[in-house]
N, C-alpha and C. Protein backbone atom coordinates (compact mmCIF):
# COMPACT_ATOMS: atom_id res chain seq x y z
N MET A 1 92.41 91.06 63.95
CA MET A 1 91.01 90.96 64.13
C MET A 1 91.20 92.51 64.03
N GLU A 2 89.84 93.21 63.68
CA GLU A 2 89.47 94.39 64.04
C GLU A 2 89.02 95.04 65.18
N GLU A 3 89.57 95.99 65.68
CA GLU A 3 89.49 96.83 66.72
C GLU A 3 88.79 98.10 66.57
N ASP A 4 87.89 98.45 67.55
CA ASP A 4 87.38 100.00 67.76
C ASP A 4 88.14 100.45 68.99
N PHE A 5 88.65 101.73 68.99
CA PHE A 5 89.40 102.77 69.77
C PHE A 5 88.33 103.73 70.33
N TYR A 6 88.29 104.04 71.25
CA TYR A 6 87.71 105.11 72.13
C TYR A 6 88.73 105.82 72.93
N PHE A 7 88.33 107.14 73.12
CA PHE A 7 89.02 108.08 74.01
C PHE A 7 88.05 108.77 74.88
N SER A 8 88.56 108.81 76.19
CA SER A 8 87.64 109.43 77.14
C SER A 8 88.59 110.49 78.05
N ASN A 9 88.77 111.80 77.94
CA ASN A 9 89.53 112.69 78.54
C ASN A 9 89.53 112.61 80.06
N LYS A 10 88.18 112.29 80.50
CA LYS A 10 87.76 111.89 81.91
C LYS A 10 88.75 110.79 82.57
N GLN A 11 88.98 109.82 82.03
CA GLN A 11 89.42 108.31 82.08
C GLN A 11 90.93 108.59 81.95
N PHE A 12 91.49 109.62 80.93
CA PHE A 12 92.73 109.79 80.57
C PHE A 12 93.42 110.57 81.72
N ILE A 13 92.73 111.55 82.39
CA ILE A 13 93.43 112.54 83.46
C ILE A 13 93.24 111.42 84.70
N LYS A 14 92.08 110.50 84.78
CA LYS A 14 92.25 110.05 86.22
C LYS A 14 93.11 109.02 86.07
N GLY A 15 93.88 108.46 85.08
CA GLY A 15 94.86 107.71 84.86
C GLY A 15 96.44 108.40 85.46
N LEU A 16 96.14 109.74 84.82
CA LEU A 16 97.54 110.42 85.43
C LEU A 16 97.35 110.65 86.92
N LYS A 17 96.03 110.69 87.38
CA LYS A 17 96.08 111.26 88.73
C LYS A 17 96.59 109.97 89.92
N MET A 18 96.83 108.67 89.58
CA MET A 18 96.90 107.56 89.73
C MET A 18 98.20 107.61 90.55
N PRO A 19 98.15 107.39 91.90
CA PRO A 19 99.37 107.33 92.67
C PRO A 19 100.61 106.86 92.04
N LYS A 20 101.98 107.36 92.22
CA LYS A 20 103.00 106.74 92.04
C LYS A 20 103.35 105.60 92.38
N SER A 21 102.96 105.38 93.79
CA SER A 21 103.16 103.57 94.37
C SER A 21 101.84 103.43 95.00
N ILE A 22 101.72 101.88 95.06
CA ILE A 22 100.93 101.35 95.60
C ILE A 22 101.50 100.33 96.49
N ASP A 23 101.40 100.33 98.06
CA ASP A 23 101.74 99.42 98.83
C ASP A 23 103.25 99.07 98.44
N GLY A 24 103.87 100.19 98.30
CA GLY A 24 105.32 100.29 97.62
C GLY A 24 105.49 99.71 96.28
N LEU A 25 104.77 99.30 95.67
CA LEU A 25 105.34 98.77 94.20
C LEU A 25 105.03 100.03 93.41
N MET A 26 105.84 100.45 92.61
CA MET A 26 106.02 101.54 91.59
C MET A 26 105.40 101.34 90.48
N MET A 27 104.15 102.20 90.36
CA MET A 27 103.37 102.32 89.12
C MET A 27 103.83 103.02 88.18
N LYS A 28 103.55 103.16 86.88
CA LYS A 28 104.01 103.64 85.92
C LYS A 28 102.96 104.91 85.53
N ARG A 29 103.18 106.23 85.25
CA ARG A 29 102.15 107.08 85.39
C ARG A 29 102.46 107.72 84.11
N GLY A 30 101.82 108.67 83.48
CA GLY A 30 102.14 109.09 82.28
C GLY A 30 102.34 108.65 80.77
N ASP A 31 101.82 107.44 81.00
CA ASP A 31 101.99 106.29 79.90
C ASP A 31 100.68 106.61 78.63
N VAL A 32 101.01 107.41 77.63
CA VAL A 32 99.50 107.68 76.79
C VAL A 32 99.72 106.08 75.61
N SER A 33 98.47 105.99 75.51
CA SER A 33 98.66 104.93 74.41
C SER A 33 97.95 105.63 72.98
N LEU A 34 98.82 105.10 71.77
CA LEU A 34 98.58 105.75 70.75
C LEU A 34 98.12 104.97 69.50
N ALA A 35 97.15 105.12 68.92
CA ALA A 35 97.06 104.11 67.55
C ALA A 35 96.90 105.16 66.28
N LYS A 36 97.54 104.36 65.31
CA LYS A 36 97.65 105.15 63.76
C LYS A 36 96.33 104.52 62.97
N ILE A 37 95.42 105.51 62.81
CA ILE A 37 94.28 105.28 62.46
C ILE A 37 93.99 106.24 61.14
N ASN A 38 93.62 105.84 59.92
CA ASN A 38 93.71 106.60 58.82
C ASN A 38 95.10 107.30 58.47
N GLY A 39 96.32 106.95 59.02
CA GLY A 39 97.55 107.66 58.75
C GLY A 39 97.68 108.59 59.74
N GLU A 40 96.91 108.90 60.93
CA GLU A 40 96.74 110.02 61.89
C GLU A 40 97.45 109.12 63.30
N TRP A 41 98.09 109.62 64.29
CA TRP A 41 98.12 109.16 65.37
C TRP A 41 97.53 109.60 66.47
N LYS A 42 96.69 108.77 67.05
CA LYS A 42 95.36 109.33 68.10
C LYS A 42 95.41 108.68 69.52
N LYS A 43 95.18 109.53 70.36
CA LYS A 43 95.23 109.01 71.86
C LYS A 43 94.07 108.19 72.16
N TYR A 44 94.10 107.04 72.79
CA TYR A 44 93.30 106.39 73.21
C TYR A 44 93.28 105.57 74.54
N THR A 45 91.87 105.50 75.17
CA THR A 45 91.95 104.88 76.28
C THR A 45 91.27 103.41 76.41
N GLU A 46 90.95 103.24 75.40
CA GLU A 46 90.24 101.69 75.57
C GLU A 46 90.52 101.21 74.14
N SER A 47 90.26 99.83 73.68
CA SER A 47 90.28 99.27 72.68
C SER A 47 89.57 98.12 73.01
N VAL A 48 88.90 97.62 72.10
CA VAL A 48 87.99 96.51 72.14
C VAL A 48 87.51 95.81 70.59
N PRO A 49 87.25 94.36 70.89
CA PRO A 49 87.13 94.00 69.35
C PRO A 49 85.85 94.76 68.71
N LYS A 50 86.34 94.98 67.22
CA LYS A 50 84.91 95.73 66.79
C LYS A 50 83.45 94.97 66.71
N GLY A 51 82.63 96.14 67.00
CA GLY A 51 81.18 95.96 67.60
C GLY A 51 80.97 95.69 68.62
N ARG A 52 82.00 95.31 69.61
CA ARG A 52 81.82 94.97 71.32
C ARG A 52 81.64 96.53 71.85
N LYS A 53 80.62 96.63 73.05
CA LYS A 53 80.32 97.44 73.65
C LYS A 53 82.00 98.10 74.92
N PRO A 54 82.26 98.88 74.94
CA PRO A 54 83.38 99.32 75.81
C PRO A 54 83.20 99.02 77.34
N ILE A 55 84.01 98.70 78.18
CA ILE A 55 83.86 98.35 79.29
C ILE A 55 83.66 99.89 80.39
N SER A 56 84.62 100.73 79.76
CA SER A 56 84.49 101.62 80.67
C SER A 56 82.89 102.48 80.10
N SER A 57 82.53 103.63 80.87
CA SER A 57 81.24 104.08 80.78
C SER A 57 81.28 105.82 81.06
N TYR A 58 82.48 106.47 80.76
CA TYR A 58 82.47 108.00 80.91
C TYR A 58 81.64 108.66 80.22
N ASP A 59 81.15 109.71 80.63
CA ASP A 59 80.12 110.62 79.72
C ASP A 59 80.81 111.00 78.40
N ASP A 60 82.04 111.27 78.51
CA ASP A 60 82.82 111.77 77.05
C ASP A 60 83.65 110.92 76.62
N PHE A 61 82.87 109.50 76.55
CA PHE A 61 83.95 108.50 75.91
C PHE A 61 83.26 108.68 74.04
N VAL A 62 84.08 108.56 73.66
CA VAL A 62 83.95 108.93 71.96
C VAL A 62 84.82 107.61 71.40
N LEU A 63 84.12 107.18 69.90
CA LEU A 63 85.01 106.17 69.02
C LEU A 63 85.45 107.37 68.37
N ILE A 64 86.98 106.88 68.38
CA ILE A 64 88.16 107.90 67.65
C ILE A 64 88.05 106.98 66.36
N GLY A 65 87.97 105.74 66.23
CA GLY A 65 88.13 104.99 64.94
C GLY A 65 88.23 103.58 65.10
N SER A 66 88.31 102.70 63.95
CA SER A 66 88.47 101.27 63.85
C SER A 66 89.33 100.84 62.88
N GLY A 67 89.95 99.80 62.98
CA GLY A 67 90.79 99.26 61.89
C GLY A 67 91.44 98.08 62.23
N LYS A 68 92.01 97.01 61.14
CA LYS A 68 92.25 96.26 61.38
C LYS A 68 93.99 96.32 60.88
N ASP A 69 94.96 95.49 61.86
CA ASP A 69 96.29 95.83 61.87
C ASP A 69 96.72 97.22 62.16
N ILE A 70 96.11 97.71 62.99
CA ILE A 70 96.22 99.29 63.22
C ILE A 70 97.52 99.05 63.70
N GLU A 71 98.66 100.09 63.79
CA GLU A 71 99.78 100.41 64.63
C GLU A 71 99.36 100.99 65.91
N ILE A 72 100.09 100.43 66.91
CA ILE A 72 100.06 100.99 68.15
C ILE A 72 101.35 101.24 68.73
N ASP A 73 101.52 102.27 69.64
CA ASP A 73 102.91 102.97 70.12
C ASP A 73 102.58 103.42 71.95
N ARG A 74 103.26 103.46 72.42
CA ARG A 74 103.23 104.21 73.73
C ARG A 74 104.23 105.46 73.72
N GLU A 75 103.83 106.62 74.50
CA GLU A 75 104.52 107.61 74.57
C GLU A 75 104.48 107.73 76.17
N GLN A 76 105.99 108.22 76.62
CA GLN A 76 105.82 108.68 77.93
C GLN A 76 105.81 110.21 78.04
N LEU A 77 104.92 110.60 78.94
CA LEU A 77 104.89 111.93 79.24
C LEU A 77 106.11 112.52 80.07
N SER A 78 106.41 113.77 80.35
CA SER A 78 107.24 114.15 81.33
C SER A 78 106.58 114.47 82.52
N GLN A 79 106.72 114.63 83.67
CA GLN A 79 106.06 115.13 84.78
C GLN A 79 105.56 116.47 84.76
N ASN A 80 106.40 117.42 84.02
CA ASN A 80 105.89 118.49 83.81
C ASN A 80 104.76 118.66 83.02
N GLN A 81 104.54 117.61 81.89
CA GLN A 81 103.25 117.56 81.13
C GLN A 81 102.06 117.07 81.75
N ILE A 82 102.49 115.81 82.95
CA ILE A 82 101.33 115.21 83.28
C ILE A 82 100.76 116.38 84.27
N ASP A 83 101.67 117.27 84.99
CA ASP A 83 101.33 118.29 85.99
C ASP A 83 100.55 119.38 85.39
N SER A 84 100.58 119.66 84.04
CA SER A 84 100.22 120.48 83.53
C SER A 84 98.66 120.29 82.86
N LEU A 85 98.76 118.58 82.39
CA LEU A 85 97.32 118.32 81.93
C LEU A 85 96.50 118.23 83.23
N ILE A 86 96.84 117.97 84.29
CA ILE A 86 96.08 117.96 85.83
C ILE A 86 95.46 119.16 85.78
N SER A 87 96.53 119.95 86.07
CA SER A 87 96.03 121.09 86.57
C SER A 87 95.08 121.98 85.46
N ASN A 88 95.03 121.72 84.29
CA ASN A 88 94.19 122.12 83.49
C ASN A 88 92.76 121.92 83.35
N GLN A 89 92.53 120.41 84.06
CA GLN A 89 91.50 120.00 83.86
C GLN A 89 90.90 119.97 85.64
N SER A 90 91.62 121.02 86.38
CA SER A 90 90.98 121.40 87.64
C SER A 90 90.27 122.42 87.83
């Protein structure tokens, strides 16, 4: 199935600011979603079937690419990287 990949820096930073635990349940922070589109790894915050409207509606939401059989990976940021990204947005 072909998918559209979108990125919003506001949505990305909001995810990094989520608490480390909610009601005692440890949450994973700093997990970055990556898609290899046209041979280049790009961060994305949402993917939807090709042609469908994304669920999110951030004002900085952009289509970063589309594809079929796209490679997807996850990268874990360090706490220092998370803190740096959050402080740069403040």
